[in-house]
Amino acid sequence: MQALNQAFREAGSYNDFRKSAATITKTFNDTWQRTEYQTAVQMAEAASNYRTLQSQVGLFPIWRYRTAGDDHVREEHAMLNGLELPADHPKWKEIYPPNGWRCRCTVEPIMEDEHTGDFAADLEKVERYQATADWKNAKAQGWAVNRAELAEVFAADQMYIRKFPDMAAKYLGKLGHKEYGLPSFAARTKAATTTLTGFTGEPADWIANNAEIRDFAGKAVTIPGKTFLSQTSGDYGPTRVNLLGHLQEVLKNPDKVWFSGTGKTFDRYRYLKFFQGRAVVVECGISGQSFDVLSWDEVGRPSGKVPRNQDPQIVLRSGLLIKK
């Protein structure tokens, strides 16, 4: 993503960006990327315009909403065309454009004596617009804020997810196994043919013999010494030592891998593998330039990673499904 962001900054046009992007990743959807590129450009223009408007509030205390004025304008956005509100009105924090993907609306300043409308009537326009499905969907997808004021192009977990047309408004962190049409844990563990066997050696011997660890995609995985010590000692130490014999197997040949995170930070990978009547999860995280194992455990046992009385399918199977 850092490489794509740099390519965007250095590109002079979308075609330039697309050529650079194609050398960075083979996972490329031209329609989606074009939408994001155009949105980023429009957001930058909106932010620049917003700063100009703010600097001129003394002379132009009222702002007017304008659409692009062509046949491509959404009917819902056309409802806002021409409305005028004071520059400091709180509604601008919600409707300052862009108001959705590929929105081309703008705001223009006017002097106080140029205002000939009715603020109350224009507020009613806003209320009618905010009652539309277009507004509600845009709000759920992370719009409905003044991104120019926030100096933010996209929210941390803002996505449009075409795979789920009825749930396009969901954030990644709220997507779970049901949205992906996955079977239950019970069904998966019942169908599994591999038996979970215990590790009988010493933890120190295991770590010495497993200096190189790679996951299914070939990523180098490290286990920091402090993490290894904490995972193999204490109340849950014996159970996690018992699982050491399958740790590499879960990383190299997982049944599912989820990309998720804590709060608004997406930096966690959860590798799941099903065994007869049981399942094991290995959680890894991005730490600077390294990719580290954070924990491993048997799914369903009460611990810090799987809280008591909470469905492991919700705890562990949420986010972006990147391998199945």
C-alpha atoms as a PDB file:
ATOM      1  CA  MET A   1       0.000   0.000   0.000  1.00  0.00           C
ATOM      2  CA  GLN A   2       2.902   2.351   0.704  1.00  0.00           C
ATOM      3  CA  ALA A   3       4.272   1.628  -2.767  1.00  0.00           C
ATOM      4  CA  LEU A   4       0.869   2.288  -4.363  1.00  0.00           C
ATOM      5  CA  ASN A   5       0.516   5.550  -2.433  1.00  0.00           C
ATOM      6  CA  GLN A   6       3.935   6.655  -3.662  1.00  0.00           C
ATOM      7  CA  ALA A   7       2.978   5.717  -7.225  1.00  0.00           C
ATOM      8  CA  PHE A   8      -0.157   7.843  -6.877  1.00  0.00           C
ATOM      9  CA  ARG A   9       1.817  10.865  -5.659  1.00  0.00           C
ATOM     10  CA  GLU A  10       4.300  10.565  -8.512  1.00  0.00           C
ATOM     11  CA  ALA A  11       1.764   9.891 -11.289  1.00  0.00           C
ATOM     12  CA  GLY A  12       0.728  12.651 -13.651  1.00  0.00           C
ATOM     13  CA  SER A  13      -2.436  10.857 -14.758  1.00  0.00           C
ATOM     14  CA  TYR A  14      -4.446   7.743 -14.057  1.00  0.00           C
ATOM     15  CA  ASN A  15      -2.730   5.876 -16.911  1.00  0.00           C
ATOM     16  CA  ASP A  16       0.675   6.681 -15.414  1.00  0.00           C
ATOM     17  CA  PHE A  17      -0.549   5.419 -12.066  1.00  0.00           C
ATOM     18  CA  ARG A  18      -2.014   2.242 -13.529  1.00  0.00           C
ATOM     19  CA  LYS A  19       1.269   1.331 -15.263  1.00  0.00           C
ATOM     20  CA  SER A  20       3.199   1.782 -12.027  1.00  0.00           C
ATOM     21  CA  ALA A  21       0.564  -0.067  -9.992  1.00  0.00           C
ATOM     22  CA  ALA A  22       0.690  -3.039 -12.344  1.00  0.00           C
ATOM     23  CA  THR A  23       4.386  -3.491 -11.531  1.00  0.00           C
ATOM     24  CA  ILE A  24       3.645  -3.395  -7.789  1.00  0.00           C
ATOM     25  CA  THR A  25       0.767  -5.874  -7.558  1.00  0.00           C
ATOM     26  CA  LYS A  26      -0.912  -8.358  -9.862  1.00  0.00           C
ATOM     27  CA  THR A  27      -4.125  -8.131  -7.832  1.00  0.00           C
ATOM     28  CA  PHE A  28      -5.577  -5.215  -9.697  1.00  0.00           C
ATOM     29  CA  ASN A  29      -9.160  -4.269 -10.510  1.00  0.00           C
ATOM     30  CA  ASP A  30      -9.090  -1.417 -13.004  1.00  0.00           C
ATOM     31  CA  THR A  31     -12.616  -0.189 -12.276  1.00  0.00           C
ATOM     32  CA  TRP A  32     -12.091  -0.094  -8.524  1.00  0.00           C
ATOM     33  CA  GLN A  33      -8.655   1.444  -8.796  1.00  0.00           C
ATOM     34  CA  ARG A  34      -9.879   4.099 -11.211  1.00  0.00           C
ATOM     35  CA  THR A  35     -12.660   4.943  -8.743  1.00  0.00           C
ATOM     36  CA  GLU A  36     -10.201   5.228  -5.863  1.00  0.00           C
ATOM     37  CA  TYR A  37      -7.768   7.265  -7.954  1.00  0.00           C
ATOM     38  CA  GLN A  38     -10.465   9.713  -9.018  1.00  0.00           C
ATOM     39  CA  THR A  39     -11.763   9.937  -5.457  1.00  0.00           C
ATOM     40  CA  ALA A  40      -8.274  10.690  -4.145  1.00  0.00           C
ATOM     41  CA  VAL A  41      -7.777  13.425  -6.758  1.00  0.00           C
ATOM     42  CA  GLN A  42     -11.196  14.947  -6.043  1.00  0.00           C
ATOM     43  CA  MET A  43     -10.526  14.768  -2.308  1.00  0.00           C
ATOM     44  CA  ALA A  44      -7.241  16.621  -2.742  1.00  0.00           C
ATOM     45  CA  GLU A  45      -8.995  19.288  -4.799  1.00  0.00           C
ATOM     46  CA  ALA A  46     -11.777  19.534  -2.200  1.00  0.00           C
ATOM     47  CA  ALA A  47      -9.240  19.947   0.606  1.00  0.00           C
ATOM     48  CA  SER A  48      -7.445  22.705  -1.314  1.00  0.00           C
ATOM     49  CA  ASN A  49     -10.743  24.472  -2.007  1.00  0.00           C
ATOM     50  CA  TYR A  50     -11.769  24.111   1.645  1.00  0.00           C
ATOM     51  CA  ARG A  51      -8.593  25.825   2.866  1.00  0.00           C
ATOM     52  CA  THR A  52      -9.215  28.666   0.415  1.00  0.00           C
ATOM     53  CA  LEU A  53     -12.825  29.019   1.539  1.00  0.00           C
ATOM     54  CA  GLN A  54     -11.788  29.102   5.188  1.00  0.00           C
ATOM     55  CA  SER A  55      -9.282  31.861   4.520  1.00  0.00           C
ATOM     56  CA  GLN A  56     -11.979  33.994   2.867  1.00  0.00           C
ATOM     57  CA  VAL A  57     -14.814  33.566   5.392  1.00  0.00           C
ATOM     58  CA  GLY A  58     -14.623  37.230   6.393  1.00  0.00           C
ATOM     59  CA  LEU A  59     -15.449  38.294   2.831  1.00  0.00           C
ATOM     60  CA  PHE A  60     -17.579  35.289   1.840  1.00  0.00           C
ATOM     61  CA  PRO A  61     -19.489  34.159   4.965  1.00  0.00           C
ATOM     62  CA  ILE A  62     -21.946  31.956   3.040  1.00  0.00           C
ATOM     63  CA  TRP A  63     -21.230  28.800   1.037  1.00  0.00           C
ATOM     64  CA  ARG A  64     -23.246  27.435  -1.883  1.00  0.00           C
ATOM     65  CA  TYR A  65     -23.402  23.750  -2.869  1.00  0.00           C
ATOM     66  CA  ARG A  66     -22.915  23.025  -6.575  1.00  0.00           C
ATOM     67  CA  THR A  67     -23.166  19.796  -8.594  1.00  0.00           C
ATOM     68  CA  ALA A  68     -21.299  19.198 -11.850  1.00  0.00           C
ATOM     69  CA  GLY A  69     -24.528  20.085 -13.653  1.00  0.00           C
ATOM     70  CA  ASP A  70     -24.526  17.311 -16.258  1.00  0.00           C
ATOM     71  CA  ASP A  71     -26.444  14.098 -16.942  1.00  0.00           C
ATOM     72  CA  HIS A  72     -24.216  12.066 -14.652  1.00  0.00           C
ATOM     73  CA  VAL A  73     -25.208  13.895 -11.461  1.00  0.00           C
ATOM     74  CA  ARG A  74     -26.982  11.640  -8.988  1.00  0.00           C
ATOM     75  CA  GLU A  75     -30.611  12.532  -8.406  1.00  0.00           C
ATOM     76  CA  GLU A  76     -29.956  12.701  -4.680  1.00  0.00           C
ATOM     77  CA  HIS A  77     -27.043  15.124  -5.081  1.00  0.00           C
ATOM     78  CA  ALA A  78     -29.131  17.272  -7.411  1.00  0.00           C
ATOM     79  CA  MET A  79     -31.411  17.873  -4.419  1.00  0.00           C
ATOM     80  CA  LEU A  80     -28.587  19.863  -2.813  1.00  0.00           C
ATOM     81  CA  ASN A  81     -27.678  21.939  -5.858  1.00  0.00           C
ATOM     82  CA  GLY A  82     -27.828  25.646  -5.094  1.00  0.00           C
ATOM     83  CA  LEU A  83     -28.481  25.354  -1.371  1.00  0.00           C
ATOM     84  CA  GLU A  84     -26.779  28.045   0.720  1.00  0.00           C
ATOM     85  CA  LEU A  85     -25.764  27.872   4.367  1.00  0.00           C
ATOM     86  CA  PRO A  86     -23.478  29.946   6.603  1.00  0.00           C
ATOM     87  CA  ALA A  87     -19.865  28.812   6.311  1.00  0.00           C
ATOM     88  CA  ASP A  88     -19.811  27.833   9.988  1.00  0.00           C
ATOM     89  CA  HIS A  89     -23.041  25.824   9.874  1.00  0.00           C
ATOM     90  CA  PRO A  90     -22.519  22.327  11.384  1.00  0.00           C
ATOM     91  CA  LYS A  91     -24.227  20.667   8.408  1.00  0.00           C
ATOM     92  CA  TRP A  92     -21.126  21.349   6.304  1.00  0.00           C
ATOM     93  CA  LYS A  93     -19.343  18.788   8.484  1.00  0.00           C
ATOM     94  CA  GLU A  94     -21.754  16.207   7.057  1.00  0.00           C
ATOM     95  CA  ILE A  95     -22.450  17.260   3.477  1.00  0.00           C
ATOM     96  CA  TYR A  96     -19.249  18.982   2.350  1.00  0.00           C
ATOM     97  CA  PRO A  97     -18.428  17.177  -0.913  1.00  0.00           C
ATOM     98  CA  PRO A  98     -17.410  14.691  -2.100  1.00  0.00           C
ATOM     99  CA  ASN A  99     -20.411  12.782  -0.775  1.00  0.00           C
ATOM    100  CA  GLY A 100     -19.613   9.320  -2.059  1.00  0.00           C
ATOM    101  CA  TRP A 101     -17.581   7.486  -4.666  1.00  0.00           C
ATOM    102  CA  ARG A 102     -17.003   9.590  -7.809  1.00  0.00           C
ATOM    103  CA  CYS A 103     -18.923  12.550  -6.409  1.00  0.00           C
ATOM    104  CA  ARG A 104     -17.911  15.700  -8.352  1.00  0.00           C
ATOM    105  CA  CYS A 105     -19.872  18.252  -6.337  1.00  0.00           C
ATOM    106  CA  THR A 106     -18.139  21.413  -5.110  1.00  0.00           C
ATOM    107  CA  VAL A 107     -18.725  24.370  -2.804  1.00  0.00           C
ATOM    108  CA  GLU A 108     -18.462  27.999  -3.857  1.00  0.00           C
ATOM    109  CA  PRO A 109     -18.365  31.103  -1.640  1.00  0.00           C
ATOM    110  CA  ILE A 110     -20.752  34.043  -1.842  1.00  0.00           C
ATOM    111  CA  MET A 111     -20.996  37.420  -0.137  1.00  0.00           C
ATOM    112  CA  GLU A 112     -23.719  38.065   2.390  1.00  0.00           C
ATOM    113  CA  ASP A 113     -25.585  40.467   0.081  1.00  0.00           C
ATOM    114  CA  GLU A 114     -25.580  37.792  -2.666  1.00  0.00           C
ATOM    115  CA  HIS A 115     -27.709  35.509  -0.534  1.00  0.00           C
ATOM    116  CA  THR A 116     -31.326  35.685  -1.666  1.00  0.00           C
ATOM    117  CA  GLY A 117     -32.534  32.303  -0.457  1.00  0.00           C
ATOM    118  CA  ASP A 118     -33.968  30.941   2.777  1.00  0.00           C
ATOM    119  CA  PHE A 119     -31.682  29.117   5.217  1.00  0.00           C
ATOM    120  CA  ALA A 120     -34.627  27.235   6.750  1.00  0.00           C
ATOM    121  CA  ALA A 121     -35.768  26.017   3.340  1.00  0.00           C
ATOM    122  CA  ASP A 122     -32.232  24.926   2.457  1.00  0.00           C
ATOM    123  CA  LEU A 123     -31.949  23.010   5.727  1.00  0.00           C
ATOM    124  CA  GLU A 124     -35.090  21.143   4.707  1.00  0.00           C
ATOM    125  CA  LYS A 125     -33.278  20.171   1.469  1.00  0.00           C
ATOM    126  CA  VAL A 126     -30.495  18.723   3.570  1.00  0.00           C
ATOM    127  CA  GLU A 127     -32.958  16.764   5.695  1.00  0.00           C
ATOM    128  CA  ARG A 128     -34.660  15.339   2.595  1.00  0.00           C
ATOM    129  CA  TYR A 129     -31.288  14.358   1.163  1.00  0.00           C
ATOM    130  CA  GLN A 130     -30.220  12.718   4.412  1.00  0.00           C
ATOM    131  CA  ALA A 131     -33.385  10.625   4.367  1.00  0.00           C
ATOM    132  CA  THR A 132     -32.427   9.002   1.036  1.00  0.00           C
ATOM    133  CA  ALA A 133     -30.924   5.533   0.630  1.00  0.00           C
ATOM    134  CA  ASP A 134     -27.973   7.103  -1.217  1.00  0.00           C
ATOM    135  CA  TRP A 135     -27.082   9.203   1.831  1.00  0.00           C
ATOM    136  CA  LYS A 136     -27.535   6.343   4.291  1.00  0.00           C
ATOM    137  CA  ASN A 137     -25.338   4.065   2.193  1.00  0.00           C
ATOM    138  CA  ALA A 138     -22.666   6.760   1.797  1.00  0.00           C
ATOM    139  CA  LYS A 139     -22.733   7.434   5.539  1.00  0.00           C
ATOM    140  CA  ALA A 140     -22.328   3.746   6.338  1.00  0.00           C
ATOM    141  CA  GLN A 141     -19.364   3.558   3.946  1.00  0.00           C
ATOM    142  CA  GLY A 142     -17.482   6.301   5.780  1.00  0.00           C
ATOM    143  CA  TRP A 143     -18.659   9.465   4.073  1.00  0.00           C
ATOM    144  CA  ALA A 144     -21.009  11.917   5.848  1.00  0.00           C
ATOM    145  CA  VAL A 145     -17.975  13.761   7.189  1.00  0.00           C
ATOM    146  CA  ASN A 146     -15.951  16.711   5.930  1.00  0.00           C
ATOM    147  CA  ARG A 147     -12.860  14.868   4.732  1.00  0.00           C
ATOM    148  CA  ALA A 148     -11.298  18.129   3.613  1.00  0.00           C
ATOM    149  CA  GLU A 149     -11.451  19.339   7.214  1.00  0.00           C
ATOM    150  CA  LEU A 150     -10.103  16.016   8.502  1.00  0.00           C
ATOM    151  CA  ALA A 151      -7.323  16.034   5.865  1.00  0.00           C
ATOM    152  CA  GLU A 152      -8.225  12.425   5.177  1.00  0.00           C
ATOM    153  CA  VAL A 153      -8.859  10.784   1.818  1.00  0.00           C
ATOM    154  CA  PHE A 154     -10.189   7.450   3.092  1.00  0.00           C
ATOM    155  CA  ALA A 155     -11.034   6.265   6.590  1.00  0.00           C
ATOM    156  CA  ALA A 156      -8.743   3.584   7.993  1.00  0.00           C
ATOM    157  CA  ASP A 157     -11.218   0.770   7.328  1.00  0.00           C
ATOM    158  CA  GLN A 158     -13.399   2.337   4.633  1.00  0.00           C
ATOM    159  CA  MET A 159     -14.230  -0.036   1.818  1.00  0.00           C
ATOM    160  CA  TYR A 160     -16.787  -0.697  -0.851  1.00  0.00           C
ATOM    161  CA  ILE A 161     -17.295  -4.429  -1.046  1.00  0.00           C
ATOM    162  CA  ARG A 162     -18.897  -5.550  -4.287  1.00  0.00           C
ATOM    163  CA  LYS A 163     -18.832  -9.200  -3.232  1.00  0.00           C
ATOM    164  CA  PHE A 164     -21.640  -8.376  -0.778  1.00  0.00           C
ATOM    165  CA  PRO A 165     -24.024  -6.016  -2.633  1.00  0.00           C
ATOM    166  CA  ASP A 166     -26.515  -6.084   0.227  1.00  0.00           C
ATOM    167  CA  MET A 167     -23.810  -5.279   2.750  1.00  0.00           C
ATOM    168  CA  ALA A 168     -21.664  -2.803   0.837  1.00  0.00           C
ATOM    169  CA  ALA A 169     -21.769  -0.516   3.842  1.00  0.00           C
ATOM    170  CA  LYS A 170     -20.044  -2.930   6.208  1.00  0.00           C
ATOM    171  CA  TYR A 171     -16.586  -2.190   7.508  1.00  0.00           C
ATOM    172  CA  LEU A 172     -13.991  -4.923   7.099  1.00  0.00           C
ATOM    173  CA  GLY A 173     -13.851  -5.553  10.824  1.00  0.00           C
ATOM    174  CA  LYS A 174     -17.553  -6.396  10.843  1.00  0.00           C
ATOM    175  CA  LEU A 175     -17.433  -8.975   8.075  1.00  0.00           C
ATOM    176  CA  GLY A 176     -17.616 -12.482   9.469  1.00  0.00           C
ATOM    177  CA  HIS A 177     -17.916 -16.116   8.461  1.00  0.00           C
ATOM    178  CA  LYS A 178     -21.638 -15.776   7.698  1.00  0.00           C
ATOM    179  CA  GLU A 179     -21.040 -13.048   5.100  1.00  0.00           C
ATOM    180  CA  TYR A 180     -18.530 -15.309   3.372  1.00  0.00           C
ATOM    181  CA  GLY A 181     -20.921 -18.264   3.489  1.00  0.00           C
ATOM    182  CA  LEU A 182     -18.548 -20.391   5.574  1.00  0.00           C
ATOM    183  CA  PRO A 183     -19.700 -23.452   7.537  1.00  0.00           C
ATOM    184  CA  SER A 184     -19.691 -23.475  11.328  1.00  0.00           C
ATOM    185  CA  PHE A 185     -16.722 -24.466  13.465  1.00  0.00           C
ATOM    186  CA  ALA A 186     -18.547 -27.625  14.500  1.00  0.00           C
ATOM    187  CA  ALA A 187     -19.071 -28.670  10.873  1.00  0.00           C
ATOM    188  CA  ARG A 188     -15.438 -27.980   9.952  1.00  0.00           C
ATOM    189  CA  THR A 189     -13.926 -29.823  12.912  1.00  0.00           C
ATOM    190  CA  LYS A 190     -16.299 -32.742  12.374  1.00  0.00           C
ATOM    191  CA  ALA A 191     -15.274 -33.021   8.714  1.00  0.00           C
ATOM    192  CA  ALA A 192     -11.534 -32.706   9.408  1.00  0.00           C
ATOM    193  CA  THR A 193      -9.464 -35.859   8.941  1.00  0.00           C
ATOM    194  CA  THR A 194      -6.185 -34.786  10.572  1.00  0.00           C
ATOM    195  CA  THR A 195      -5.633 -35.648  14.220  1.00  0.00           C
ATOM    196  CA  LEU A 196      -4.150 -33.093  16.590  1.00  0.00           C
ATOM    197  CA  THR A 197      -1.147 -34.710  18.239  1.00  0.00           C
ATOM    198  CA  GLY A 198       0.787 -33.372  21.177  1.00  0.00           C
ATOM    199  CA  PHE A 199       4.405 -32.179  21.179  1.00  0.00           C
ATOM    200  CA  THR A 200       6.442 -34.141  23.711  1.00  0.00           C
ATOM    201  CA  GLY A 201       9.842 -32.450  23.454  1.00  0.00           C
ATOM    202  CA  GLU A 202      11.348 -29.432  25.153  1.00  0.00           C
ATOM    203  CA  PRO A 203      10.370 -25.922  23.988  1.00  0.00           C
ATOM    204  CA  ALA A 204      14.042 -24.929  23.750  1.00  0.00           C
ATOM    205  CA  ASP A 205      14.706 -27.825  21.380  1.00  0.00           C
ATOM    206  CA  TRP A 206      11.742 -26.905  19.211  1.00  0.00           C
ATOM    207  CA  ILE A 207      12.779 -23.273  18.801  1.00  0.00           C
ATOM    208  CA  ALA A 208      16.359 -24.343  18.042  1.00  0.00           C
ATOM    209  CA  ASN A 209      15.156 -26.668  15.279  1.00  0.00           C
ATOM    210  CA  ASN A 210      12.729 -24.164  13.781  1.00  0.00           C
ATOM    211  CA  ALA A 211      14.921 -21.148  13.171  1.00  0.00           C
ATOM    212  CA  GLU A 212      13.297 -20.559   9.767  1.00  0.00           C
ATOM    213  CA  ILE A 213       9.521 -20.300   9.580  1.00  0.00           C
ATOM    214  CA  ARG A 214       7.493 -19.262   6.539  1.00  0.00           C
ATOM    215  CA  ASP A 215       3.772 -19.054   5.994  1.00  0.00           C
ATOM    216  CA  PHE A 216       1.674 -20.298   3.057  1.00  0.00           C
ATOM    217  CA  ALA A 217       2.631 -17.255   0.955  1.00  0.00           C
ATOM    218  CA  GLY A 218       6.342 -17.592   1.677  1.00  0.00           C
ATOM    219  CA  LYS A 219       6.479 -14.712   4.168  1.00  0.00           C
ATOM    220  CA  ALA A 220       9.242 -15.070   6.744  1.00  0.00           C
ATOM    221  CA  VAL A 221       7.759 -15.370  10.229  1.00  0.00           C
ATOM    222  CA  THR A 222       9.681 -14.766  13.449  1.00  0.00           C
ATOM    223  CA  ILE A 223       8.871 -15.675  17.036  1.00  0.00           C
ATOM    224  CA  PRO A 224      10.411 -13.080  19.368  1.00  0.00           C
ATOM    225  CA  GLY A 225      12.104 -14.636  22.369  1.00  0.00           C
ATOM    226  CA  LYS A 226       9.870 -12.772  24.811  1.00  0.00           C
ATOM    227  CA  THR A 227       6.751 -14.001  23.026  1.00  0.00           C
ATOM    228  CA  PHE A 228       7.971 -17.597  22.927  1.00  0.00           C
ATOM    229  CA  LEU A 229       8.774 -17.531  26.659  1.00  0.00           C
ATOM    230  CA  SER A 230       5.393 -16.049  27.604  1.00  0.00           C
ATOM    231  CA  GLN A 231       3.502 -18.511  25.402  1.00  0.00           C
ATOM    232  CA  THR A 232       5.287 -21.583  26.738  1.00  0.00           C
ATOM    233  CA  SER A 233       5.118 -20.708  30.449  1.00  0.00           C
ATOM    234  CA  GLY A 234       2.433 -19.772  32.949  1.00  0.00           C
ATOM    235  CA  ASP A 235      -1.007 -21.325  33.330  1.00  0.00           C
ATOM    236  CA  TYR A 236      -1.520 -21.959  29.613  1.00  0.00           C
ATOM    237  CA  GLY A 237       2.094 -22.887  28.896  1.00  0.00           C
ATOM    238  CA  PRO A 238       1.595 -26.671  28.873  1.00  0.00           C
ATOM    239  CA  THR A 239      -1.269 -26.436  26.365  1.00  0.00           C
ATOM    240  CA  ARG A 240       0.666 -24.192  24.006  1.00  0.00           C
ATOM    241  CA  VAL A 241       3.803 -26.323  24.287  1.00  0.00           C
ATOM    242  CA  ASN A 242       1.580 -29.249  23.360  1.00  0.00           C
ATOM    243  CA  LEU A 243       0.609 -27.416  20.138  1.00  0.00           C
ATOM    244  CA  LEU A 244       4.171 -26.636  19.030  1.00  0.00           C
ATOM    245  CA  GLY A 245       4.269 -29.669  16.787  1.00  0.00           C
ATOM    246  CA  HIS A 246       1.531 -28.138  14.609  1.00  0.00           C
ATOM    247  CA  LEU A 247       2.581 -24.480  14.659  1.00  0.00           C
ATOM    248  CA  GLN A 248       4.527 -24.621  11.390  1.00  0.00           C
ATOM    249  CA  GLU A 249       1.768 -26.694   9.799  1.00  0.00           C
ATOM    250  CA  VAL A 250      -0.895 -24.101  10.643  1.00  0.00           C
ATOM    251  CA  LEU A 251       1.212 -21.316   9.121  1.00  0.00           C
ATOM    252  CA  LYS A 252       2.261 -23.229   5.994  1.00  0.00           C
ATOM    253  CA  ASN A 253      -1.017 -24.974   5.263  1.00  0.00           C
ATOM    254  CA  PRO A 254      -3.878 -23.098   6.972  1.00  0.00           C
ATOM    255  CA  ASP A 255      -7.527 -23.748   6.135  1.00  0.00           C
ATOM    256  CA  LYS A 256      -8.356 -20.061   6.512  1.00  0.00           C
ATOM    257  CA  VAL A 257      -6.402 -16.834   6.943  1.00  0.00           C
ATOM    258  CA  TRP A 258      -8.072 -13.636   8.117  1.00  0.00           C
ATOM    259  CA  PHE A 259      -6.639 -10.132   7.992  1.00  0.00           C
ATOM    260  CA  SER A 260      -8.023  -8.137  10.871  1.00  0.00           C
ATOM    261  CA  GLY A 261      -6.939  -5.891  13.693  1.00  0.00           C
ATOM    262  CA  THR A 262      -7.723  -4.182  16.933  1.00  0.00           C
ATOM    263  CA  GLY A 263      -9.737  -0.982  16.880  1.00  0.00           C
ATOM    264  CA  LYS A 264      -8.969   0.939  13.690  1.00  0.00           C
ATOM    265  CA  THR A 265      -5.550  -0.621  13.154  1.00  0.00           C
ATOM    266  CA  PHE A 266      -5.427  -3.521  10.703  1.00  0.00           C
ATOM    267  CA  ASP A 267      -2.176  -5.348  11.343  1.00  0.00           C
ATOM    268  CA  ARG A 268      -3.175  -8.863  12.418  1.00  0.00           C
ATOM    269  CA  TYR A 269      -3.217 -12.135  10.530  1.00  0.00           C
ATOM    270  CA  ARG A 270      -5.102 -15.093  11.993  1.00  0.00           C
ATOM    271  CA  TYR A 271      -4.216 -18.520  10.613  1.00  0.00           C
ATOM    272  CA  LEU A 272      -6.816 -21.234  11.325  1.00  0.00           C
ATOM    273  CA  LYS A 273      -6.495 -24.964  10.823  1.00  0.00           C
ATOM    274  CA  PHE A 274      -9.108 -27.571  11.631  1.00  0.00           C
ATOM    275  CA  PHE A 275      -8.375 -30.962  13.163  1.00  0.00           C
ATOM    276  CA  GLN A 276     -10.703 -33.778  14.219  1.00  0.00           C
ATOM    277  CA  GLY A 277     -12.987 -32.148  16.760  1.00  0.00           C
ATOM    278  CA  ARG A 278     -10.527 -29.316  17.369  1.00  0.00           C
ATOM    279  CA  ALA A 279      -9.034 -26.192  15.771  1.00  0.00           C
ATOM    280  CA  VAL A 280      -5.823 -24.222  16.220  1.00  0.00           C
ATOM    281  CA  VAL A 281      -5.233 -20.527  15.626  1.00  0.00           C
ATOM    282  CA  VAL A 282      -1.904 -18.751  15.176  1.00  0.00           C
ATOM    283  CA  GLU A 283      -2.038 -14.974  15.332  1.00  0.00           C
ATOM    284  CA  CYS A 284       0.695 -12.912  13.697  1.00  0.00           C
ATOM    285  CA  GLY A 285       1.243  -9.177  13.517  1.00  0.00           C
ATOM    286  CA  ILE A 286       3.206  -6.587  11.595  1.00  0.00           C
ATOM    287  CA  SER A 287       5.907  -5.050  13.750  1.00  0.00           C
ATOM    288  CA  GLY A 288       8.115  -2.534  11.956  1.00  0.00           C
ATOM    289  CA  GLN A 289       9.920  -4.491   9.253  1.00  0.00           C
ATOM    290  CA  SER A 290       9.205  -7.914  10.772  1.00  0.00           C
ATOM    291  CA  PHE A 291       6.238 -10.262  10.750  1.00  0.00           C
ATOM    292  CA  ASP A 292       5.934 -11.830  14.193  1.00  0.00           C
ATOM    293  CA  VAL A 293       3.970 -14.607  15.843  1.00  0.00           C
ATOM    294  CA  LEU A 294       1.955 -13.003  18.644  1.00  0.00           C
ATOM    295  CA  SER A 295       0.248 -16.107  20.044  1.00  0.00           C
ATOM    296  CA  TRP A 296      -1.057 -19.560  19.288  1.00  0.00           C
ATOM    297  CA  ASP A 297      -3.807 -21.513  20.970  1.00  0.00           C
ATOM    298  CA  GLU A 298      -6.506 -24.114  20.611  1.00  0.00           C
ATOM    299  CA  VAL A 299      -9.772 -22.476  19.607  1.00  0.00           C
ATOM    300  CA  GLY A 300     -12.500 -22.558  22.228  1.00  0.00           C
ATOM    301  CA  ARG A 301     -10.345 -22.604  25.341  1.00  0.00           C
ATOM    302  CA  PRO A 302     -10.924 -19.595  27.617  1.00  0.00           C
ATOM    303  CA  SER A 303      -7.900 -17.322  27.349  1.00  0.00           C
ATOM    304  CA  GLY A 304      -6.895 -13.760  26.602  1.00  0.00           C
ATOM    305  CA  LYS A 305      -7.343 -14.339  22.867  1.00  0.00           C
ATOM    306  CA  VAL A 306     -10.724 -16.093  23.036  1.00  0.00           C
ATOM    307  CA  PRO A 307     -12.819 -14.572  25.841  1.00  0.00           C
ATOM    308  CA  ARG A 308     -15.099 -16.799  27.883  1.00  0.00           C
ATOM    309  CA  ASN A 309     -18.641 -17.327  26.632  1.00  0.00           C
ATOM    310  CA  GLN A 310     -17.861 -15.690  23.295  1.00  0.00           C
ATOM    311  CA  ASP A 311     -18.349 -17.481  19.993  1.00  0.00           C
ATOM    312  CA  PRO A 312     -14.888 -18.178  18.490  1.00  0.00           C
ATOM    313  CA  GLN A 313     -16.406 -17.775  15.044  1.00  0.00           C
ATOM    314  CA  ILE A 314     -17.001 -14.106  15.876  1.00  0.00           C
ATOM    315  CA  VAL A 315     -13.702 -13.548  17.661  1.00  0.00           C
ATOM    316  CA  LEU A 316     -11.463 -15.270  15.149  1.00  0.00           C
ATOM    317  CA  ARG A 317     -13.354 -15.290  11.853  1.00  0.00           C
ATOM    318  CA  SER A 318     -13.850 -11.638  11.060  1.00  0.00           C
ATOM    319  CA  GLY A 319     -12.201  -9.129   8.764  1.00  0.00           C
ATOM    320  CA  LEU A 320     -10.883  -9.730   5.271  1.00  0.00           C
ATOM    321  CA  LEU A 321     -10.709 -13.394   4.269  1.00  0.00           C
ATOM    322  CA  ILE A 322      -7.447 -13.638   2.330  1.00  0.00           C
ATOM    323  CA  LYS A 323      -7.140 -17.436   2.044  1.00  0.00           C
ATOM    324  CA  LYS A 324      -9.669 -20.223   2.024  1.00  0.00           C
END
